[in-house]
């Protein structure tokens, strides 16, 4: 996650592009006296939906190009910045931003989808990401048999590597 800030900046830029495109469509429709287009669901809206699916007790907001998490208590939003999040929460935000930033119709190879994620949220996260990116093919490389077994209809491949007594690999 060395590029954490860059990935978050990219998804904010993506949202700005989406809003700019919508603004132009509204201007064009207005000039032609046509009905305005529906408000688009932005990449940030999608990230917030994913976040709330994974962490239903927490909210994620984007304010002034910065992300905050927190919860409402007694009518106040007690927030903390993305840099203060736990490793798991940062991983969810990072992975969602990464997946949503990928161009359409790509193949995503996910190496160790379980890294920094508690098992109780891991499958929820990846299923939500797959729903948001139905145009993409997800390939997972994992050691977690529970994660793999949750994908009942998926094609699965196993690789067994053994070491010979000489220390050489035997495949």
N, C-alpha and C. Protein backbone atom coordinates (compact mmCIF):
# COMPACT_ATOMS: atom_id res chain seq x y z
N UNK A 1 0.82 -1.19 0.00
CA UNK A 1 0.00 0.00 0.00
C UNK A 1 0.87 1.26 0.00
N UNK A 2 2.02 1.17 -0.67
CA UNK A 2 2.90 2.32 -0.76
C UNK A 2 2.26 3.47 -1.53
N UNK A 3 1.32 3.14 -2.39
CA UNK A 3 0.67 4.16 -3.21
C UNK A 3 -0.72 4.52 -2.70
N UNK A 4 -0.95 4.35 -1.41
CA UNK A 4 -2.25 4.60 -0.78
C UNK A 4 -2.80 5.98 -1.14
N UNK A 5 -2.02 7.03 -0.90
CA UNK A 5 -2.49 8.39 -1.18
C UNK A 5 -2.73 8.60 -2.67
N UNK A 6 -1.89 8.02 -3.51
CA UNK A 6 -2.06 8.16 -4.96
C UNK A 6 -3.34 7.50 -5.45
N UNK A 7 -3.66 6.34 -4.89
CA UNK A 7 -4.88 5.63 -5.29
C UNK A 7 -6.12 6.43 -4.86
N UNK A 8 -6.08 6.98 -3.64
CA UNK A 8 -7.22 7.79 -3.19
C UNK A 8 -7.35 9.04 -4.04
N UNK A 9 -6.24 9.65 -4.39
CA UNK A 9 -6.28 10.83 -5.27
C UNK A 9 -6.84 10.46 -6.64
N UNK A 10 -6.50 9.29 -7.14
CA UNK A 10 -6.99 8.85 -8.45
C UNK A 10 -8.50 8.67 -8.44
N UNK A 11 -9.04 8.10 -7.37
CA UNK A 11 -10.49 7.88 -7.32
C UNK A 11 -11.23 9.21 -7.14
N UNK A 12 -10.63 10.16 -6.46
CA UNK A 12 -11.23 11.50 -6.35
C UNK A 12 -11.20 12.19 -7.71
N UNK A 13 -10.11 12.02 -8.45
CA UNK A 13 -10.02 12.58 -9.80
C UNK A 13 -11.07 11.93 -10.71
N UNK A 14 -11.27 10.64 -10.55
CA UNK A 14 -12.28 9.93 -11.32
C UNK A 14 -13.67 10.51 -11.03
N UNK A 15 -13.95 10.75 -9.75
CA UNK A 15 -15.23 11.36 -9.37
C UNK A 15 -15.37 12.74 -10.01
N UNK A 16 -14.32 13.53 -9.98
CA UNK A 16 -14.36 14.87 -10.58
C UNK A 16 -14.63 14.78 -12.08
N UNK A 17 -14.05 13.80 -12.75
CA UNK A 17 -14.32 13.60 -14.18
C UNK A 17 -15.78 13.21 -14.41
N UNK A 18 -16.32 12.35 -13.55
CA UNK A 18 -17.71 11.93 -13.67
C UNK A 18 -18.65 13.12 -13.49
N UNK A 19 -18.35 13.96 -12.51
CA UNK A 19 -19.18 15.15 -12.26
C UNK A 19 -19.04 16.15 -13.40
N UNK A 20 -17.84 16.31 -13.91
CA UNK A 20 -17.62 17.22 -15.03
C UNK A 20 -18.40 16.76 -16.27
N UNK A 21 -18.37 15.47 -16.53
CA UNK A 21 -19.11 14.91 -17.67
C UNK A 21 -20.61 15.15 -17.49
N UNK A 22 -21.11 14.92 -16.29
CA UNK A 22 -22.53 15.15 -15.99
C UNK A 22 -22.88 16.63 -16.18
N UNK A 23 -22.02 17.51 -15.71
CA UNK A 23 -22.24 18.95 -15.86
C UNK A 23 -22.35 19.33 -17.33
N UNK A 24 -21.45 18.79 -18.14
CA UNK A 24 -21.49 19.09 -19.57
C UNK A 24 -22.76 18.55 -20.22
N UNK A 25 -23.18 17.34 -19.82
CA UNK A 25 -24.41 16.76 -20.35
C UNK A 25 -25.61 17.64 -19.99
N UNK A 26 -25.63 18.15 -18.77
CA UNK A 26 -26.72 19.04 -18.34
C UNK A 26 -26.73 20.32 -19.17
N UNK A 27 -25.56 20.89 -19.42
CA UNK A 27 -25.48 22.09 -20.24
C UNK A 27 -25.98 21.82 -21.65
N UNK A 28 -25.54 20.72 -22.23
CA UNK A 28 -25.96 20.36 -23.58
C UNK A 28 -27.47 20.15 -23.66
N UNK A 29 -28.01 19.44 -22.69
CA UNK A 29 -29.46 19.18 -22.67
C UNK A 29 -30.23 20.49 -22.47
N UNK A 30 -29.71 21.35 -21.59
CA UNK A 30 -30.36 22.63 -21.33
C UNK A 30 -30.37 23.52 -22.57
N UNK A 31 -29.27 23.55 -23.30
CA UNK A 31 -29.19 24.35 -24.52
C UNK A 31 -30.17 23.86 -25.58
N UNK A 32 -30.43 22.55 -25.59
CA UNK A 32 -31.35 21.97 -26.57
C UNK A 32 -32.77 21.83 -26.03
N UNK A 33 -32.99 22.40 -24.82
CA UNK A 33 -34.31 22.34 -24.17
C UNK A 33 -34.79 20.90 -23.99
N UNK A 34 -33.85 20.01 -23.71
CA UNK A 34 -34.16 18.61 -23.45
C UNK A 34 -34.18 18.36 -21.95
N UNK A 35 -34.72 17.20 -21.58
CA UNK A 35 -34.75 16.82 -20.17
C UNK A 35 -33.33 16.51 -19.69
N UNK A 36 -33.01 16.96 -18.50
CA UNK A 36 -31.67 16.73 -17.95
C UNK A 36 -31.46 15.25 -17.66
N UNK A 37 -30.21 14.80 -17.73
CA UNK A 37 -29.92 13.39 -17.42
C UNK A 37 -30.05 13.13 -15.92
N UNK A 38 -30.21 11.85 -15.58
CA UNK A 38 -30.24 11.46 -14.17
C UNK A 38 -28.88 11.70 -13.53
N UNK A 39 -28.88 12.02 -12.26
CA UNK A 39 -27.64 12.21 -11.52
C UNK A 39 -26.87 10.90 -11.50
N UNK A 40 -25.60 10.91 -11.89
CA UNK A 40 -24.84 9.64 -11.94
C UNK A 40 -24.43 9.17 -10.54
N UNK A 41 -24.22 7.86 -10.45
CA UNK A 41 -23.62 7.28 -9.26
C UNK A 41 -22.12 7.37 -9.48
N UNK A 42 -21.43 8.13 -8.65
CA UNK A 42 -20.00 8.35 -8.84
C UNK A 42 -19.17 7.23 -8.21
N UNK A 43 -17.90 7.22 -8.52
CA UNK A 43 -16.98 6.24 -7.93
C UNK A 43 -16.96 6.37 -6.41
N UNK A 44 -17.08 7.60 -5.90
CA UNK A 44 -17.10 7.80 -4.44
C UNK A 44 -18.39 7.21 -3.85
N UNK A 45 -19.51 7.39 -4.55
CA UNK A 45 -20.77 6.79 -4.10
C UNK A 45 -20.62 5.27 -4.00
N UNK A 46 -19.96 4.68 -4.99
CA UNK A 46 -19.76 3.23 -5.00
C UNK A 46 -18.86 2.80 -3.84
N UNK A 47 -17.80 3.55 -3.60
CA UNK A 47 -16.90 3.23 -2.48
C UNK A 47 -17.66 3.32 -1.16
N UNK A 48 -18.49 4.35 -1.02
CA UNK A 48 -19.27 4.49 0.22
C UNK A 48 -20.24 3.31 0.39
N UNK A 49 -20.85 2.87 -0.70
CA UNK A 49 -21.74 1.71 -0.63
C UNK A 49 -20.97 0.45 -0.21
N UNK A 50 -19.83 0.25 -0.82
CA UNK A 50 -18.99 -0.91 -0.48
C UNK A 50 -18.60 -0.83 1.00
N UNK A 51 -18.14 0.33 1.41
CA UNK A 51 -17.71 0.54 2.80
C UNK A 51 -18.83 0.19 3.77
N UNK A 52 -20.04 0.71 3.50
CA UNK A 52 -21.15 0.49 4.42
C UNK A 52 -21.64 -0.95 4.37
N UNK A 53 -21.39 -1.67 3.28
CA UNK A 53 -21.70 -3.10 3.22
C UNK A 53 -20.73 -3.90 4.07
N UNK A 54 -19.48 -3.47 4.08
CA UNK A 54 -18.45 -4.18 4.83
C UNK A 54 -18.45 -3.76 6.30
N UNK A 55 -18.63 -2.47 6.55
CA UNK A 55 -18.64 -1.92 7.92
C UNK A 55 -19.98 -1.22 8.17
N UNK A 56 -21.06 -1.96 8.38
CA UNK A 56 -22.36 -1.32 8.52
C UNK A 56 -22.46 -0.36 9.72
N UNK A 57 -21.58 -0.50 10.67
CA UNK A 57 -21.60 0.35 11.86
C UNK A 57 -20.80 1.65 11.68
N UNK A 58 -20.15 1.81 10.53
CA UNK A 58 -19.32 2.98 10.26
C UNK A 58 -19.74 3.64 8.96
N UNK A 59 -19.48 4.93 8.85
CA UNK A 59 -19.73 5.64 7.60
C UNK A 59 -18.41 6.14 7.05
N UNK A 60 -18.39 6.31 5.77
CA UNK A 60 -17.23 6.86 5.08
C UNK A 60 -17.69 8.11 4.35
N UNK A 61 -16.97 9.20 4.55
CA UNK A 61 -17.31 10.43 3.83
C UNK A 61 -16.06 10.95 3.14
N UNK A 62 -16.30 11.67 2.08
CA UNK A 62 -15.22 12.37 1.37
C UNK A 62 -15.54 13.85 1.50
N UNK A 63 -14.61 14.59 2.06
CA UNK A 63 -14.81 16.02 2.28
C UNK A 63 -13.53 16.75 1.90
N UNK A 64 -13.65 17.68 0.98
CA UNK A 64 -12.51 18.47 0.53
C UNK A 64 -11.36 17.58 0.08
N UNK A 65 -11.71 16.57 -0.72
CA UNK A 65 -10.75 15.62 -1.30
C UNK A 65 -9.99 14.79 -0.27
N UNK A 66 -10.59 14.60 0.89
CA UNK A 66 -10.01 13.74 1.92
C UNK A 66 -11.09 12.77 2.40
N UNK A 67 -10.67 11.58 2.77
CA UNK A 67 -11.60 10.57 3.27
C UNK A 67 -11.57 10.53 4.79
N UNK A 68 -12.77 10.34 5.36
CA UNK A 68 -12.93 10.20 6.80
C UNK A 68 -13.88 9.05 7.08
N UNK A 69 -13.64 8.38 8.18
CA UNK A 69 -14.56 7.34 8.65
C UNK A 69 -15.03 7.74 10.03
N UNK A 70 -16.14 7.18 10.41
CA UNK A 70 -16.66 7.48 11.74
C UNK A 70 -18.07 6.97 11.90
N UNK A 71 -18.70 7.44 12.97
CA UNK A 71 -20.08 7.06 13.21
C UNK A 71 -20.81 8.21 13.87
N UNK A 72 -22.12 8.20 13.68
CA UNK A 72 -22.95 9.21 14.30
C UNK A 72 -23.28 8.78 15.71
N UNK A 73 -23.08 9.70 16.65
CA UNK A 73 -23.40 9.42 18.05
C UNK A 73 -24.00 10.69 18.63
N UNK A 74 -25.18 10.59 19.16
CA UNK A 74 -25.90 11.74 19.74
C UNK A 74 -26.00 12.90 18.75
N UNK A 75 -26.24 12.58 17.48
CA UNK A 75 -26.42 13.61 16.47
C UNK A 75 -25.13 14.20 15.92
N UNK A 76 -23.98 13.78 16.43
CA UNK A 76 -22.69 14.28 15.94
C UNK A 76 -21.95 13.18 15.20
N UNK A 77 -21.24 13.59 14.17
CA UNK A 77 -20.43 12.62 13.42
C UNK A 77 -19.02 12.65 13.99
N UNK A 78 -18.66 11.60 14.70
CA UNK A 78 -17.31 11.48 15.26
C UNK A 78 -16.43 10.85 14.21
N UNK A 79 -15.58 11.66 13.59
CA UNK A 79 -14.81 11.17 12.45
C UNK A 79 -13.32 11.13 12.74
N UNK A 80 -12.64 10.33 11.94
CA UNK A 80 -11.19 10.28 11.95
C UNK A 80 -10.73 10.12 10.52
N UNK A 81 -9.53 10.59 10.23
CA UNK A 81 -9.06 10.61 8.84
C UNK A 81 -8.63 9.21 8.39
N UNK A 82 -8.53 9.07 7.09
CA UNK A 82 -8.13 7.79 6.50
C UNK A 82 -6.74 7.37 6.98
N UNK A 83 -5.90 8.33 7.28
CA UNK A 83 -4.54 7.99 7.75
C UNK A 83 -4.56 7.42 9.16
N UNK A 84 -5.65 7.62 9.90
CA UNK A 84 -5.76 7.12 11.27
C UNK A 84 -6.53 5.80 11.36
N UNK A 85 -6.94 5.27 10.21
CA UNK A 85 -7.70 4.02 10.20
C UNK A 85 -6.81 2.84 10.56
N UNK A 86 -7.47 1.77 11.01
CA UNK A 86 -6.75 0.52 11.24
C UNK A 86 -6.27 -0.01 9.90
N UNK A 87 -5.34 -0.97 9.93
CA UNK A 87 -4.83 -1.56 8.69
C UNK A 87 -5.96 -2.18 7.87
N UNK A 88 -6.91 -2.84 8.53
CA UNK A 88 -8.01 -3.47 7.82
C UNK A 88 -8.91 -2.45 7.13
N UNK A 89 -9.25 -1.38 7.81
CA UNK A 89 -10.11 -0.35 7.21
C UNK A 89 -9.38 0.36 6.07
N UNK A 90 -8.10 0.63 6.28
CA UNK A 90 -7.31 1.24 5.19
C UNK A 90 -7.25 0.31 3.99
N UNK A 91 -7.11 -0.99 4.24
CA UNK A 91 -7.05 -1.97 3.14
C UNK A 91 -8.35 -1.98 2.37
N UNK A 92 -9.49 -1.94 3.05
CA UNK A 92 -10.79 -1.93 2.37
C UNK A 92 -10.91 -0.69 1.49
N UNK A 93 -10.57 0.47 2.03
CA UNK A 93 -10.66 1.71 1.25
C UNK A 93 -9.71 1.66 0.06
N UNK A 94 -8.50 1.22 0.29
CA UNK A 94 -7.49 1.13 -0.77
C UNK A 94 -7.93 0.16 -1.88
N UNK A 95 -8.36 -1.04 -1.49
CA UNK A 95 -8.75 -2.05 -2.48
C UNK A 95 -9.97 -1.60 -3.28
N UNK A 96 -10.94 -1.00 -2.60
CA UNK A 96 -12.13 -0.49 -3.31
C UNK A 96 -11.72 0.59 -4.30
N UNK A 97 -10.87 1.52 -3.88
CA UNK A 97 -10.41 2.59 -4.78
C UNK A 97 -9.62 2.01 -5.95
N UNK A 98 -8.77 1.04 -5.68
CA UNK A 98 -7.98 0.41 -6.76
C UNK A 98 -8.89 -0.26 -7.78
N UNK A 99 -9.81 -1.08 -7.31
CA UNK A 99 -10.68 -1.84 -8.21
C UNK A 99 -11.58 -0.89 -9.02
N UNK A 100 -12.09 0.15 -8.40
CA UNK A 100 -12.98 1.07 -9.11
C UNK A 100 -12.22 1.97 -10.09
N UNK A 101 -10.92 2.09 -9.91
CA UNK A 101 -10.11 2.94 -10.80
C UNK A 101 -9.65 2.23 -12.06
N UNK A 102 -9.81 0.92 -12.10
CA UNK A 102 -9.36 0.13 -13.24
C UNK A 102 -10.27 0.42 -14.44
N UNK A 103 -9.69 0.59 -15.64
CA UNK A 103 -10.53 0.79 -16.83
C UNK A 103 -11.50 -0.39 -17.05
N UNK A 104 -12.52 -0.15 -17.85
CA UNK A 104 -13.55 -1.16 -18.11
C UNK A 104 -12.98 -2.42 -18.79
N UNK A 105 -13.65 -3.55 -18.49
CA UNK A 105 -13.40 -4.83 -19.16
C UNK A 105 -11.96 -5.33 -19.02
N UNK A 106 -11.43 -5.25 -17.84
CA UNK A 106 -10.07 -5.73 -17.59
C UNK A 106 -10.09 -6.99 -16.74
N UNK A 107 -8.96 -7.66 -16.70
CA UNK A 107 -8.75 -8.81 -15.86
C UNK A 107 -7.98 -8.33 -14.63
N UNK A 108 -8.52 -8.62 -13.44
CA UNK A 108 -7.85 -8.23 -12.21
C UNK A 108 -7.30 -9.47 -11.53
N UNK A 109 -6.00 -9.50 -11.32
CA UNK A 109 -5.37 -10.61 -10.62
C UNK A 109 -5.10 -10.14 -9.20
N UNK A 110 -5.77 -10.77 -8.26
CA UNK A 110 -5.70 -10.37 -6.86
C UNK A 110 -4.84 -11.40 -6.13
N UNK A 111 -3.65 -10.99 -5.73
CA UNK A 111 -2.74 -11.87 -5.01
C UNK A 111 -2.97 -11.68 -3.52
N UNK A 112 -3.34 -12.73 -2.85
CA UNK A 112 -3.62 -12.74 -1.42
C UNK A 112 -4.72 -11.75 -1.05
N UNK A 113 -5.96 -12.03 -1.45
CA UNK A 113 -7.07 -11.13 -1.16
C UNK A 113 -7.35 -10.98 0.33
N UNK A 114 -6.76 -11.84 1.13
CA UNK A 114 -7.00 -11.82 2.57
C UNK A 114 -6.06 -10.91 3.35
N UNK A 115 -5.06 -10.33 2.71
CA UNK A 115 -4.05 -9.54 3.42
C UNK A 115 -4.70 -8.36 4.16
N UNK A 116 -4.40 -8.24 5.44
CA UNK A 116 -4.88 -7.16 6.32
C UNK A 116 -6.38 -7.20 6.56
N UNK A 117 -7.07 -8.26 6.12
CA UNK A 117 -8.52 -8.30 6.27
C UNK A 117 -8.94 -9.40 7.22
N UNK A 118 -9.84 -9.07 8.10
CA UNK A 118 -10.41 -10.07 9.00
C UNK A 118 -11.31 -10.99 8.18
N UNK A 119 -11.29 -12.29 8.46
CA UNK A 119 -12.11 -13.22 7.68
C UNK A 119 -13.60 -12.84 7.63
N UNK A 120 -14.09 -12.19 8.66
CA UNK A 120 -15.52 -11.84 8.68
C UNK A 120 -15.89 -10.78 7.66
N UNK A 121 -14.91 -10.03 7.15
CA UNK A 121 -15.23 -8.99 6.17
C UNK A 121 -14.67 -9.29 4.78
N UNK A 122 -13.72 -10.21 4.71
CA UNK A 122 -13.01 -10.45 3.45
C UNK A 122 -13.95 -10.85 2.31
N UNK A 123 -14.78 -11.85 2.52
CA UNK A 123 -15.67 -12.31 1.44
C UNK A 123 -16.70 -11.25 1.08
N UNK A 124 -17.22 -10.54 2.09
CA UNK A 124 -18.19 -9.46 1.80
C UNK A 124 -17.58 -8.40 0.89
N UNK A 125 -16.34 -8.02 1.19
CA UNK A 125 -15.66 -6.99 0.40
C UNK A 125 -15.52 -7.43 -1.05
N UNK A 126 -14.97 -8.62 -1.27
CA UNK A 126 -14.71 -9.05 -2.65
C UNK A 126 -16.00 -9.29 -3.42
N UNK A 127 -17.03 -9.76 -2.77
CA UNK A 127 -18.31 -9.94 -3.47
C UNK A 127 -18.91 -8.59 -3.86
N UNK A 128 -18.80 -7.59 -2.99
CA UNK A 128 -19.30 -6.25 -3.33
C UNK A 128 -18.48 -5.64 -4.47
N UNK A 129 -17.16 -5.83 -4.43
CA UNK A 129 -16.31 -5.30 -5.50
C UNK A 129 -16.65 -5.97 -6.83
N UNK A 130 -16.89 -7.27 -6.80
CA UNK A 130 -17.26 -7.97 -8.03
C UNK A 130 -18.60 -7.46 -8.56
N UNK A 131 -19.55 -7.17 -7.68
CA UNK A 131 -20.84 -6.63 -8.11
C UNK A 131 -20.67 -5.27 -8.78
N UNK A 132 -19.79 -4.44 -8.22
CA UNK A 132 -19.55 -3.11 -8.78
C UNK A 132 -18.80 -3.17 -10.10
N UNK A 133 -18.04 -4.23 -10.31
CA UNK A 133 -17.22 -4.35 -11.52
C UNK A 133 -17.54 -5.64 -12.26
N UNK A 134 -18.81 -5.81 -12.62
CA UNK A 134 -19.21 -7.01 -13.35
C UNK A 134 -18.57 -7.08 -14.74
N UNK A 135 -18.03 -5.96 -15.21
CA UNK A 135 -17.35 -5.94 -16.51
C UNK A 135 -15.96 -6.56 -16.45
N UNK A 136 -15.45 -6.78 -15.26
CA UNK A 136 -14.08 -7.29 -15.09
C UNK A 136 -14.07 -8.76 -14.68
N UNK A 137 -12.98 -9.42 -15.00
CA UNK A 137 -12.75 -10.79 -14.58
C UNK A 137 -11.81 -10.76 -13.38
N UNK A 138 -12.22 -11.37 -12.28
CA UNK A 138 -11.41 -11.43 -11.07
C UNK A 138 -10.74 -12.79 -10.98
N UNK A 139 -9.43 -12.79 -10.80
CA UNK A 139 -8.67 -14.01 -10.57
C UNK A 139 -7.97 -13.85 -9.23
N UNK A 140 -8.23 -14.78 -8.32
CA UNK A 140 -7.67 -14.71 -6.98
C UNK A 140 -6.56 -15.74 -6.81
N UNK A 141 -5.47 -15.32 -6.20
CA UNK A 141 -4.39 -16.22 -5.82
C UNK A 141 -4.36 -16.19 -4.29
N UNK A 142 -4.71 -17.31 -3.67
CA UNK A 142 -4.87 -17.31 -2.22
C UNK A 142 -4.38 -18.62 -1.61
N UNK A 143 -4.01 -18.54 -0.34
CA UNK A 143 -3.69 -19.72 0.46
C UNK A 143 -4.88 -20.08 1.34
N UNK A 144 -5.89 -19.23 1.36
CA UNK A 144 -7.03 -19.39 2.25
C UNK A 144 -8.10 -20.27 1.60
N UNK A 145 -8.15 -21.52 2.01
CA UNK A 145 -9.10 -22.47 1.43
C UNK A 145 -10.54 -22.09 1.76
N UNK A 146 -10.78 -21.46 2.90
CA UNK A 146 -12.13 -21.02 3.24
C UNK A 146 -12.60 -19.94 2.26
N UNK A 147 -11.71 -19.02 1.91
CA UNK A 147 -12.06 -17.99 0.94
C UNK A 147 -12.38 -18.64 -0.40
N UNK A 148 -11.54 -19.53 -0.86
CA UNK A 148 -11.74 -20.18 -2.15
C UNK A 148 -13.03 -21.00 -2.16
N UNK A 149 -13.32 -21.69 -1.07
CA UNK A 149 -14.51 -22.55 -1.03
C UNK A 149 -15.80 -21.74 -1.03
N UNK A 150 -15.75 -20.48 -0.69
CA UNK A 150 -16.94 -19.63 -0.68
C UNK A 150 -17.41 -19.32 -2.11
N UNK A 151 -16.52 -19.49 -3.08
CA UNK A 151 -16.86 -19.26 -4.49
C UNK A 151 -17.27 -20.59 -5.12
N UNK A 152 -18.49 -21.00 -4.85
CA UNK A 152 -18.99 -22.33 -5.21
C UNK A 152 -18.92 -22.58 -6.72
N UNK A 153 -19.32 -21.62 -7.53
CA UNK A 153 -19.39 -21.82 -8.98
C UNK A 153 -18.13 -21.41 -9.72
N UNK A 154 -17.11 -21.03 -9.00
CA UNK A 154 -15.87 -20.59 -9.64
C UNK A 154 -14.99 -21.77 -10.04
N UNK A 155 -14.19 -21.55 -11.07
CA UNK A 155 -13.18 -22.56 -11.43
C UNK A 155 -12.02 -22.41 -10.46
N UNK A 156 -11.55 -23.54 -9.96
CA UNK A 156 -10.46 -23.51 -8.98
C UNK A 156 -9.32 -24.39 -9.47
N UNK A 157 -8.12 -23.91 -9.22
CA UNK A 157 -6.91 -24.65 -9.58
C UNK A 157 -6.02 -24.70 -8.34
N UNK A 158 -5.44 -25.86 -8.10
CA UNK A 158 -4.54 -26.02 -6.97
C UNK A 158 -3.13 -26.30 -7.45
N UNK A 159 -2.17 -25.89 -6.67
CA UNK A 159 -0.77 -26.11 -6.99
C UNK A 159 -0.10 -26.65 -5.74
N UNK A 160 0.52 -27.78 -5.88
CA UNK A 160 1.19 -28.40 -4.74
C UNK A 160 2.69 -28.37 -5.01
N UNK A 161 3.41 -27.72 -4.12
CA UNK A 161 4.87 -27.64 -4.26
C UNK A 161 5.48 -28.35 -3.05
N UNK A 162 6.40 -29.26 -3.33
CA UNK A 162 7.05 -30.00 -2.25
C UNK A 162 8.56 -29.82 -2.38
N UNK A 163 9.23 -29.81 -1.27
CA UNK A 163 10.69 -29.71 -1.26
C UNK A 163 11.27 -31.12 -1.12
N UNK A 164 12.23 -31.42 -1.96
CA UNK A 164 12.95 -32.68 -1.80
C UNK A 164 13.89 -32.55 -0.62
N UNK A 165 14.36 -33.64 -0.13
CA UNK A 165 15.27 -33.60 1.02
C UNK A 165 16.56 -32.86 0.68
N UNK A 166 16.87 -32.70 -0.62
CA UNK A 166 18.06 -31.97 -1.02
C UNK A 166 17.84 -30.46 -1.01
N UNK A 167 16.58 -30.03 -0.80
CA UNK A 167 16.27 -28.61 -0.80
C UNK A 167 15.81 -28.10 -2.15
N UNK A 168 15.80 -28.99 -3.15
CA UNK A 168 15.33 -28.60 -4.47
C UNK A 168 13.80 -28.68 -4.54
N UNK A 169 13.23 -27.86 -5.35
CA UNK A 169 11.77 -27.90 -5.55
C UNK A 169 11.39 -29.09 -6.38
N UNK A 170 10.33 -29.74 -5.99
CA UNK A 170 9.79 -30.87 -6.73
C UNK A 170 8.33 -30.55 -7.02
N UNK A 171 7.98 -30.31 -8.29
CA UNK A 171 6.61 -29.90 -8.64
C UNK A 171 5.88 -31.04 -9.30
